[in-house]
Structures are given as C-alpha cells and as structure tokens.
Amino acid sequence: MINLATPWLVVTHPNPQASCRLFCFPFAGGGATLFRSWSPAVPATLELCAVQLPGREERLHQPPLSTWPDLLAELTVALAPWLDKPFALFGHSMGARVALALAQHWHSQYAPRHLILSACPAPGISRLPPLHSLPDSDLIAAVDARYGNIPQALLAQPELLALFLPSLRADFMLYETYADHAATGPAGPLSCPLAVLGGLQDPLVSRQDLLAWRAQTTGRFTIRMFPGNHFFLKNAQSPLLQMIGQLIEER
C-alpha cells in the first residue's frame, strides 16, 4: 500500500469514497488554512486536498521555493501518489498560476478533470509593477496597499513579519516570472475544461482579464463572477463550492 502522507497536503476530511480529488492552491503568502472551512462543505463526491507550500504555517521554517522548475518538480513528486483517481485543480490569485503551470507541466502524464482559476488575469496580461525585488519594508507596504489582506496583528510584530516575508517574496517571484517560465514550456493550449472566477468589485482583475483565459484551452470554457473584491472567495463559499462541484461533475 502506498504511503500518502506528505507535508505538501492538508486533508482535514479524508474521503476514500470520493470519485475525484480537488487540489487547492492559495494566494501569495497564504497557506492551507485558507481552505479549512471548505473541506467539510464540498460535495460528497470530492476529497479536498489543500496544498501547503514550504515556508508557511506548519512548514514555516522550511525555505520557500521561488523558481518554477524547483516548485513543479517538488509538487510532482509529492502529489503523484495522489493521482490514482480523477482530480481537479483550483487556484486563487497566485495559486491560479501554480495550478495552471502544474497542468501544463503534467500535460503528457496527468490530465485534470477540470482546471478552476480564480482572481487571476490571463497569461500575458500584466498592468501592475512587479513587487518581488522590492526591499522588505517596501514589499510589505506595496502588498498591503494593493491587496489589503495582511493582518494588522502581523504588521505590528516585526519578528513574525520577518518569518512571513520569505514566502511572500518567493510567491510574488513565481507569480511575476510566470511569463518567462511559460516561454520555455510546451506549446499550445490545454485540452481540459477551464473555468475562471472573479469578483465583481475586484479592482485588480477585470472580467476582460478573465475572458482572455479562453485561449488557454481547447476544452469547455466557463466564466463566473461573484459579489466581492479580490478575495471574494472568503464570502462566497457556499455558491462557489456548489459551482465547483457542478463543474467537476459535468466534466
């Protein structure tokens, strides 16, 4: 029997009877706890597997990965034993880039039943200045001004902030160097169904930014907008999970 235990995944509600696994990737600097409340709420046909990248939460003291070849190689080794049944990939913001890159990396071996990408502009669309090379204080200030999701309690504790910074910087480096990575990858679009999700009040990602994802697959394409800003998924859990379940079942 294969030992599936890995620090790369947090599965709070194992579901051996599930017909499909849903791997979820968080936004820059985020961890698997983003999906803690999702696990008991997903349809019974799904087993939610929250991806925990190094450098955060219980992996806080492990060095984060900041290059695409290293990240994709490590993820492939860690997740391969979990691909013994159909699977889908979900990613939010930076996590959408990781989900896309992984689907592209696996194109000749493993095909997701569905790729679901949230709050992320299509590849090739970049109107915001890069952040990953900024000095520490400038990086924190820029991320907080742009996204507004850094807890004030964290900002008030320099020692904790210093632990958080490496993973935040590494994630933005991945996000902002995706175009360079994609230029070296396999040519052509994916063939799996692709759904893109956005917030109606998101000032960072427009509906047009999301519609441009259509070129990334020859399969079925779906777009859905939810009330809220860039982090709409925090307030739209029920309709979001219902939609994800429907998309995966439709194939």
C-alpha atoms as a PDB file:
ATOM      1  CA  MET A   1       0.000   0.000   0.000  1.00  0.00           C
ATOM      2  CA  ILE A   2       1.338   3.439  -0.933  1.00  0.00           C
ATOM      3  CA  ASN A   3       2.027   5.809   1.961  1.00  0.00           C
ATOM      4  CA  LEU A   4       0.214   9.007   1.007  1.00  0.00           C
ATOM      5  CA  ALA A   5       1.446  11.067   3.951  1.00  0.00           C
ATOM      6  CA  THR A   6       3.152  14.259   2.771  1.00  0.00           C
ATOM      7  CA  PRO A   7       3.734  17.726   4.259  1.00  0.00           C
ATOM      8  CA  TRP A   8       2.595  19.158   0.930  1.00  0.00           C
ATOM      9  CA  LEU A   9      -1.073  18.369   1.553  1.00  0.00           C
ATOM     10  CA  VAL A  10      -3.546  19.036   4.332  1.00  0.00           C
ATOM     11  CA  VAL A  11      -6.575  16.740   4.118  1.00  0.00           C
ATOM     12  CA  THR A  12      -8.724  17.515   7.140  1.00  0.00           C
ATOM     13  CA  HIS A  13     -11.669  15.385   5.994  1.00  0.00           C
ATOM     14  CA  PRO A  14     -10.381  12.281   4.188  1.00  0.00           C
ATOM     15  CA  ASN A  15     -12.983  10.824   1.841  1.00  0.00           C
ATOM     16  CA  PRO A  16     -11.903   7.469   0.380  1.00  0.00           C
ATOM     17  CA  GLN A  17     -15.271   7.128  -1.365  1.00  0.00           C
ATOM     18  CA  ALA A  18     -14.808  10.358  -3.313  1.00  0.00           C
ATOM     19  CA  SER A  19     -14.710   9.955  -7.083  1.00  0.00           C
ATOM     20  CA  CYS A  20     -12.434  12.975  -7.549  1.00  0.00           C
ATOM     21  CA  ARG A  21      -9.755  14.832  -5.584  1.00  0.00           C
ATOM     22  CA  LEU A  22      -9.711  18.623  -5.565  1.00  0.00           C
ATOM     23  CA  PHE A  23      -6.245  20.122  -5.075  1.00  0.00           C
ATOM     24  CA  CYS A  24      -6.430  23.736  -3.882  1.00  0.00           C
ATOM     25  CA  PHE A  25      -3.653  26.341  -4.111  1.00  0.00           C
ATOM     26  CA  PRO A  26      -3.779  29.565  -2.023  1.00  0.00           C
ATOM     27  CA  PHE A  27      -2.878  33.162  -2.860  1.00  0.00           C
ATOM     28  CA  ALA A  28       0.630  34.619  -2.369  1.00  0.00           C
ATOM     29  CA  GLY A  29       1.812  34.176   1.197  1.00  0.00           C
ATOM     30  CA  GLY A  30      -1.245  32.077   2.035  1.00  0.00           C
ATOM     31  CA  GLY A  31      -1.422  28.593   3.443  1.00  0.00           C
ATOM     32  CA  ALA A  32      -3.667  25.563   3.571  1.00  0.00           C
ATOM     33  CA  THR A  33      -5.830  27.051   6.352  1.00  0.00           C
ATOM     34  CA  LEU A  34      -7.488  29.197   3.664  1.00  0.00           C
ATOM     35  CA  PHE A  35      -9.419  26.050   2.704  1.00  0.00           C
ATOM     36  CA  ARG A  36     -10.079  24.667   6.199  1.00  0.00           C
ATOM     37  CA  SER A  37     -13.767  25.580   6.147  1.00  0.00           C
ATOM     38  CA  TRP A  38     -14.141  24.220   2.614  1.00  0.00           C
ATOM     39  CA  SER A  39     -13.249  20.641   3.437  1.00  0.00           C
ATOM     40  CA  PRO A  40     -16.449  19.635   5.267  1.00  0.00           C
ATOM     41  CA  ALA A  41     -18.583  21.672   2.843  1.00  0.00           C
ATOM     42  CA  VAL A  42     -17.540  20.251  -0.540  1.00  0.00           C
ATOM     43  CA  PRO A  43     -19.875  17.783  -2.295  1.00  0.00           C
ATOM     44  CA  ALA A  44     -19.602  14.177  -1.131  1.00  0.00           C
ATOM     45  CA  THR A  45     -18.097  13.210  -4.482  1.00  0.00           C
ATOM     46  CA  LEU A  46     -14.974  15.293  -3.743  1.00  0.00           C
ATOM     47  CA  GLU A  47     -11.995  14.952  -1.423  1.00  0.00           C
ATOM     48  CA  LEU A  48     -10.425  18.346  -0.756  1.00  0.00           C
ATOM     49  CA  CYS A  49      -6.630  18.388  -0.611  1.00  0.00           C
ATOM     50  CA  ALA A  50      -5.237  21.792   0.411  1.00  0.00           C
ATOM     51  CA  VAL A  51      -1.711  22.320  -0.873  1.00  0.00           C
ATOM     52  CA  GLN A  52       0.773  23.530   1.749  1.00  0.00           C
ATOM     53  CA  LEU A  53       3.849  25.086   0.169  1.00  0.00           C
ATOM     54  CA  PRO A  54       7.058  25.301   2.242  1.00  0.00           C
ATOM     55  CA  GLY A  55       7.685  28.488   4.190  1.00  0.00           C
ATOM     56  CA  ARG A  56       4.256  28.905   5.818  1.00  0.00           C
ATOM     57  CA  GLU A  57       2.126  27.625   8.700  1.00  0.00           C
ATOM     58  CA  GLU A  58       3.483  24.262   9.940  1.00  0.00           C
ATOM     59  CA  ARG A  59       6.200  24.452   7.253  1.00  0.00           C
ATOM     60  CA  LEU A  60       7.184  27.978   8.278  1.00  0.00           C
ATOM     61  CA  HIS A  61      10.826  27.163   8.964  1.00  0.00           C
ATOM     62  CA  GLN A  62      11.385  25.420   5.624  1.00  0.00           C
ATOM     63  CA  PRO A  63      12.839  27.570   2.837  1.00  0.00           C
ATOM     64  CA  PRO A  64      10.214  28.611   0.286  1.00  0.00           C
ATOM     65  CA  LEU A  65      10.590  27.764  -3.397  1.00  0.00           C
ATOM     66  CA  SER A  66      10.897  30.716  -5.757  1.00  0.00           C
ATOM     67  CA  THR A  67      11.626  29.127  -9.154  1.00  0.00           C
ATOM     68  CA  TRP A  68       9.161  27.262 -11.352  1.00  0.00           C
ATOM     69  CA  PRO A  69      11.392  24.240 -12.164  1.00  0.00           C
ATOM     70  CA  ASP A  70      12.010  23.565  -8.468  1.00  0.00           C
ATOM     71  CA  LEU A  71       8.378  24.046  -7.447  1.00  0.00           C
ATOM     72  CA  LEU A  72       6.919  21.898 -10.225  1.00  0.00           C
ATOM     73  CA  ALA A  73       9.448  19.123  -9.660  1.00  0.00           C
ATOM     74  CA  GLU A  74       8.722  19.021  -5.904  1.00  0.00           C
ATOM     75  CA  LEU A  75       4.947  19.157  -6.408  1.00  0.00           C
ATOM     76  CA  THR A  76       5.049  16.347  -8.948  1.00  0.00           C
ATOM     77  CA  VAL A  77       6.929  14.037  -6.589  1.00  0.00           C
ATOM     78  CA  ALA A  78       4.652  14.909  -3.667  1.00  0.00           C
ATOM     79  CA  LEU A  79       1.312  14.683  -5.495  1.00  0.00           C
ATOM     80  CA  ALA A  80       1.945  11.783  -7.898  1.00  0.00           C
ATOM     81  CA  PRO A  81       0.794   9.112  -5.375  1.00  0.00           C
ATOM     82  CA  TRP A  82      -2.480  11.052  -5.001  1.00  0.00           C
ATOM     83  CA  LEU A  83      -3.257  10.925  -8.713  1.00  0.00           C
ATOM     84  CA  ASP A  84      -4.629   7.368  -8.637  1.00  0.00           C
ATOM     85  CA  LYS A  85      -8.150   8.736  -9.221  1.00  0.00           C
ATOM     86  CA  PRO A  86      -9.553  11.658 -11.234  1.00  0.00           C
ATOM     87  CA  PHE A  87      -8.575  15.082  -9.930  1.00  0.00           C
ATOM     88  CA  ALA A  88      -9.268  18.773 -10.414  1.00  0.00           C
ATOM     89  CA  LEU A  89      -7.108  21.811  -9.685  1.00  0.00           C
ATOM     90  CA  PHE A  90      -8.266  25.055  -8.061  1.00  0.00           C
ATOM     91  CA  GLY A  91      -6.067  28.102  -7.514  1.00  0.00           C
ATOM     92  CA  HIS A  92      -6.730  31.613  -6.263  1.00  0.00           C
ATOM     93  CA  SER A  93      -4.650  34.593  -7.445  1.00  0.00           C
ATOM     94  CA  MET A  94      -1.010  33.389  -7.316  1.00  0.00           C
ATOM     95  CA  GLY A  95      -2.371  29.903  -6.701  1.00  0.00           C
ATOM     96  CA  ALA A  96      -4.080  30.057 -10.094  1.00  0.00           C
ATOM     97  CA  ARG A  97      -0.677  30.469 -11.725  1.00  0.00           C
ATOM     98  CA  VAL A  98       0.592  27.403  -9.839  1.00  0.00           C
ATOM     99  CA  ALA A  99      -2.434  25.318 -10.847  1.00  0.00           C
ATOM    100  CA  LEU A 100      -2.017  26.350 -14.490  1.00  0.00           C
ATOM    101  CA  ALA A 101       1.724  25.684 -14.522  1.00  0.00           C
ATOM    102  CA  LEU A 102       1.182  22.275 -12.942  1.00  0.00           C
ATOM    103  CA  ALA A 103      -1.479  21.327 -15.507  1.00  0.00           C
ATOM    104  CA  GLN A 104       0.892  22.371 -18.276  1.00  0.00           C
ATOM    105  CA  HIS A 105       3.808  20.522 -16.673  1.00  0.00           C
ATOM    106  CA  TRP A 106       1.719  17.340 -16.418  1.00  0.00           C
ATOM    107  CA  HIS A 107       0.158  17.634 -19.887  1.00  0.00           C
ATOM    108  CA  SER A 108       1.606  14.369 -21.199  1.00  0.00           C
ATOM    109  CA  GLN A 109       1.081  12.347 -17.993  1.00  0.00           C
ATOM    110  CA  TYR A 110      -1.879  13.556 -15.952  1.00  0.00           C
ATOM    111  CA  ALA A 111      -4.888  15.499 -17.205  1.00  0.00           C
ATOM    112  CA  PRO A 112      -7.132  17.258 -14.668  1.00  0.00           C
ATOM    113  CA  ARG A 113     -10.849  16.677 -14.932  1.00  0.00           C
ATOM    114  CA  HIS A 114     -11.220  20.439 -14.550  1.00  0.00           C
ATOM    115  CA  LEU A 115      -8.962  23.461 -14.051  1.00  0.00           C
ATOM    116  CA  ILE A 116     -10.625  26.196 -11.969  1.00  0.00           C
ATOM    117  CA  LEU A 117      -8.769  29.510 -11.670  1.00  0.00           C
ATOM    118  CA  SER A 118      -9.823  32.414  -9.503  1.00  0.00           C
ATOM    119  CA  ALA A 119      -8.967  36.152  -9.305  1.00  0.00           C
ATOM    120  CA  CYS A 120      -6.063  35.948 -11.722  1.00  0.00           C
ATOM    121  CA  PRO A 121      -5.586  37.692 -15.078  1.00  0.00           C
ATOM    122  CA  ALA A 122      -4.849  35.512 -18.091  1.00  0.00           C
ATOM    123  CA  PRO A 123      -1.196  34.978 -19.032  1.00  0.00           C
ATOM    124  CA  GLY A 124       0.215  37.923 -20.928  1.00  0.00           C
ATOM    125  CA  ILE A 125      -1.881  40.485 -19.047  1.00  0.00           C
ATOM    126  CA  SER A 126       0.179  42.482 -16.569  1.00  0.00           C
ATOM    127  CA  ARG A 127      -0.601  46.106 -15.744  1.00  0.00           C
ATOM    128  CA  LEU A 128       0.863  46.190 -12.242  1.00  0.00           C
ATOM    129  CA  PRO A 129       4.525  46.831 -11.404  1.00  0.00           C
ATOM    130  CA  PRO A 130       6.466  43.810 -10.065  1.00  0.00           C
ATOM    131  CA  LEU A 131       6.965  43.593  -6.323  1.00  0.00           C
ATOM    132  CA  HIS A 132       9.260  40.642  -5.623  1.00  0.00           C
ATOM    133  CA  SER A 133      12.551  42.581  -5.828  1.00  0.00           C
ATOM    134  CA  LEU A 134      11.490  45.436  -3.525  1.00  0.00           C
ATOM    135  CA  PRO A 135      13.216  45.950  -0.152  1.00  0.00           C
ATOM    136  CA  ASP A 136      11.413  44.270   2.739  1.00  0.00           C
ATOM    137  CA  SER A 137       9.577  47.324   4.062  1.00  0.00           C
ATOM    138  CA  ASP A 138       8.568  48.438   0.569  1.00  0.00           C
ATOM    139  CA  LEU A 139       7.345  44.952  -0.320  1.00  0.00           C
ATOM    140  CA  ILE A 140       5.110  44.780   2.745  1.00  0.00           C
ATOM    141  CA  ALA A 141       3.767  48.278   2.146  1.00  0.00           C
ATOM    142  CA  ALA A 142       3.083  47.590  -1.544  1.00  0.00           C
ATOM    143  CA  VAL A 143       1.332  44.267  -0.904  1.00  0.00           C
ATOM    144  CA  ASP A 144      -0.782  45.766   1.868  1.00  0.00           C
ATOM    145  CA  ALA A 145      -1.720  48.761  -0.302  1.00  0.00           C
ATOM    146  CA  ARG A 146      -2.580  46.605  -3.321  1.00  0.00           C
ATOM    147  CA  TYR A 147      -4.385  43.711  -1.636  1.00  0.00           C
ATOM    148  CA  GLY A 148      -5.110  44.893   1.893  1.00  0.00           C
ATOM    149  CA  ASN A 149      -5.054  41.375   3.324  1.00  0.00           C
ATOM    150  CA  ILE A 150      -2.054  41.448   5.671  1.00  0.00           C
ATOM    151  CA  PRO A 151      -3.394  41.207   9.249  1.00  0.00           C
ATOM    152  CA  GLN A 152      -2.638  44.270  11.358  1.00  0.00           C
ATOM    153  CA  ALA A 153      -1.521  41.981  14.174  1.00  0.00           C
ATOM    154  CA  LEU A 154       1.184  40.627  11.874  1.00  0.00           C
ATOM    155  CA  LEU A 155       2.271  44.112  10.785  1.00  0.00           C
ATOM    156  CA  ALA A 156       2.671  45.060  14.447  1.00  0.00           C
ATOM    157  CA  GLN A 157       5.077  42.175  15.201  1.00  0.00           C
ATOM    158  CA  PRO A 158       8.391  42.592  13.341  1.00  0.00           C
ATOM    159  CA  GLU A 159       9.680  39.160  14.378  1.00  0.00           C
ATOM    160  CA  LEU A 160       6.645  37.339  12.959  1.00  0.00           C
ATOM    161  CA  LEU A 161       6.698  39.565   9.889  1.00  0.00           C
ATOM    162  CA  ALA A 162      10.320  38.566   9.247  1.00  0.00           C
ATOM    163  CA  LEU A 163       9.260  34.905   9.222  1.00  0.00           C
ATOM    164  CA  PHE A 164       6.398  35.637   6.825  1.00  0.00           C
ATOM    165  CA  LEU A 165       8.415  37.715   4.338  1.00  0.00           C
ATOM    166  CA  PRO A 166      10.439  34.966   2.581  1.00  0.00           C
ATOM    167  CA  SER A 167       7.362  33.015   1.464  1.00  0.00           C
ATOM    168  CA  LEU A 168       5.587  36.205   0.394  1.00  0.00           C
ATOM    169  CA  ARG A 169       8.573  37.299  -1.694  1.00  0.00           C
ATOM    170  CA  ALA A 170       9.012  33.818  -3.182  1.00  0.00           C
ATOM    171  CA  ASP A 171       5.353  33.658  -4.175  1.00  0.00           C
ATOM    172  CA  PHE A 172       5.442  37.023  -5.885  1.00  0.00           C
ATOM    173  CA  MET A 173       8.610  35.996  -7.697  1.00  0.00           C
ATOM    174  CA  LEU A 174       6.764  32.944  -9.040  1.00  0.00           C
ATOM    175  CA  TYR A 175       3.715  34.989  -9.989  1.00  0.00           C
ATOM    176  CA  GLU A 176       5.736  37.691 -11.708  1.00  0.00           C
ATOM    177  CA  THR A 177       8.081  35.348 -13.602  1.00  0.00           C
ATOM    178  CA  TYR A 178       5.385  33.039 -14.963  1.00  0.00           C
ATOM    179  CA  ALA A 179       5.672  34.511 -18.475  1.00  0.00           C
ATOM    180  CA  ASP A 180       9.375  33.643 -18.617  1.00  0.00           C
ATOM    181  CA  HIS A 181       8.625  30.116 -17.435  1.00  0.00           C
ATOM    182  CA  ALA A 182       5.752  29.652 -19.897  1.00  0.00           C
ATOM    183  CA  ALA A 183       8.013  30.653 -22.792  1.00  0.00           C
ATOM    184  CA  THR A 184      10.105  27.534 -22.110  1.00  0.00           C
ATOM    185  CA  GLY A 185       7.162  25.158 -21.656  1.00  0.00           C
ATOM    186  CA  PRO A 186       5.113  23.049 -24.071  1.00  0.00           C
ATOM    187  CA  ALA A 187       3.490  24.998 -26.881  1.00  0.00           C
ATOM    188  CA  GLY A 188      -0.253  25.068 -27.434  1.00  0.00           C
ATOM    189  CA  PRO A 189      -3.301  25.247 -25.160  1.00  0.00           C
ATOM    190  CA  LEU A 190      -4.539  22.636 -22.718  1.00  0.00           C
ATOM    191  CA  SER A 191      -7.442  20.342 -23.627  1.00  0.00           C
ATOM    192  CA  CYS A 192      -9.175  20.117 -20.237  1.00  0.00           C
ATOM    193  CA  PRO A 193     -12.250  22.168 -19.273  1.00  0.00           C
ATOM    194  CA  LEU A 194     -11.289  25.545 -17.813  1.00  0.00           C
ATOM    195  CA  ALA A 195     -13.362  27.756 -15.527  1.00  0.00           C
ATOM    196  CA  VAL A 196     -12.332  31.233 -14.410  1.00  0.00           C
ATOM    197  CA  LEU A 197     -13.888  33.063 -11.469  1.00  0.00           C
ATOM    198  CA  GLY A 198     -13.751  36.697 -10.447  1.00  0.00           C
ATOM    199  CA  GLY A 199     -15.063  39.274  -8.019  1.00  0.00           C
ATOM    200  CA  LEU A 200     -17.461  41.875  -9.370  1.00  0.00           C
ATOM    201  CA  GLN A 201     -15.755  44.583  -7.293  1.00  0.00           C
ATOM    202  CA  ASP A 202     -12.184  43.370  -7.809  1.00  0.00           C
ATOM    203  CA  PRO A 203     -10.073  46.419  -8.806  1.00  0.00           C
ATOM    204  CA  LEU A 204      -7.129  44.201  -9.808  1.00  0.00           C
ATOM    205  CA  VAL A 205      -8.696  41.639 -12.175  1.00  0.00           C
ATOM    206  CA  SER A 206     -11.443  42.618 -14.621  1.00  0.00           C
ATOM    207  CA  ARG A 207     -13.909  40.461 -16.496  1.00  0.00           C
ATOM    208  CA  GLN A 208     -11.907  41.141 -19.664  1.00  0.00           C
ATOM    209  CA  ASP A 209      -8.768  39.880 -17.928  1.00  0.00           C
ATOM    210  CA  LEU A 210     -10.641  36.664 -17.176  1.00  0.00           C
ATOM    211  CA  LEU A 211     -12.189  36.258 -20.639  1.00  0.00           C
ATOM    212  CA  ALA A 212      -8.684  36.206 -22.105  1.00  0.00           C
ATOM    213  CA  TRP A 213      -8.176  32.812 -20.448  1.00  0.00           C
ATOM    214  CA  ARG A 214     -10.265  31.306 -23.266  1.00  0.00           C
ATOM    215  CA  ALA A 215      -7.130  30.932 -25.372  1.00  0.00           C
ATOM    216  CA  GLN A 216      -5.561  28.599 -22.802  1.00  0.00           C
ATOM    217  CA  THR A 217      -7.733  25.561 -23.581  1.00  0.00           C
ATOM    218  CA  THR A 218      -9.467  23.809 -26.453  1.00  0.00           C
ATOM    219  CA  GLY A 219     -11.934  22.374 -23.942  1.00  0.00           C
ATOM    220  CA  ARG A 220     -15.072  23.842 -22.444  1.00  0.00           C
ATOM    221  CA  PHE A 221     -14.656  27.360 -21.049  1.00  0.00           C
ATOM    222  CA  THR A 222     -16.741  28.896 -18.267  1.00  0.00           C
ATOM    223  CA  ILE A 223     -16.619  32.299 -16.563  1.00  0.00           C
ATOM    224  CA  ARG A 224     -18.480  33.215 -13.376  1.00  0.00           C
ATOM    225  CA  MET A 225     -18.438  36.479 -11.416  1.00  0.00           C
ATOM    226  CA  PHE A 226     -19.242  36.675  -7.691  1.00  0.00           C
ATOM    227  CA  PRO A 227     -20.062  39.656  -5.466  1.00  0.00           C
ATOM    228  CA  GLY A 228     -16.932  40.916  -3.728  1.00  0.00           C
ATOM    229  CA  ASN A 229     -13.374  42.103  -4.254  1.00  0.00           C
ATOM    230  CA  HIS A 230     -10.145  40.221  -4.960  1.00  0.00           C
ATOM    231  CA  PHE A 231     -10.820  37.913  -2.004  1.00  0.00           C
ATOM    232  CA  PHE A 232     -14.465  37.229  -2.829  1.00  0.00           C
ATOM    233  CA  LEU A 233     -13.954  33.521  -2.097  1.00  0.00           C
ATOM    234  CA  LYS A 234     -13.982  34.278   1.644  1.00  0.00           C
ATOM    235  CA  ASN A 235     -17.606  35.489   1.479  1.00  0.00           C
ATOM    236  CA  ALA A 236     -18.957  33.343  -1.344  1.00  0.00           C
ATOM    237  CA  GLN A 237     -18.091  29.901  -0.030  1.00  0.00           C
ATOM    238  CA  SER A 238     -21.463  28.217  -0.461  1.00  0.00           C
ATOM    239  CA  PRO A 239     -22.213  29.251  -4.084  1.00  0.00           C
ATOM    240  CA  LEU A 240     -18.547  28.847  -5.003  1.00  0.00           C
ATOM    241  CA  LEU A 241     -18.327  25.263  -3.744  1.00  0.00           C
ATOM    242  CA  GLN A 242     -21.663  24.425  -5.316  1.00  0.00           C
ATOM    243  CA  MET A 243     -20.407  25.689  -8.660  1.00  0.00           C
ATOM    244  CA  ILE A 244     -17.106  23.812  -8.345  1.00  0.00           C
ATOM    245  CA  GLY A 245     -18.967  20.585  -7.635  1.00  0.00           C
ATOM    246  CA  GLN A 246     -21.221  21.095 -10.655  1.00  0.00           C
ATOM    247  CA  LEU A 247     -18.321  21.913 -12.954  1.00  0.00           C
ATOM    248  CA  ILE A 248     -16.388  18.803 -11.974  1.00  0.00           C
ATOM    249  CA  GLU A 249     -19.418  16.556 -12.347  1.00  0.00           C
ATOM    250  CA  GLU A 250     -20.169  17.970 -15.797  1.00  0.00           C
ATOM    251  CA  ARG A 251     -16.638  17.230 -16.953  1.00  0.00           C
END
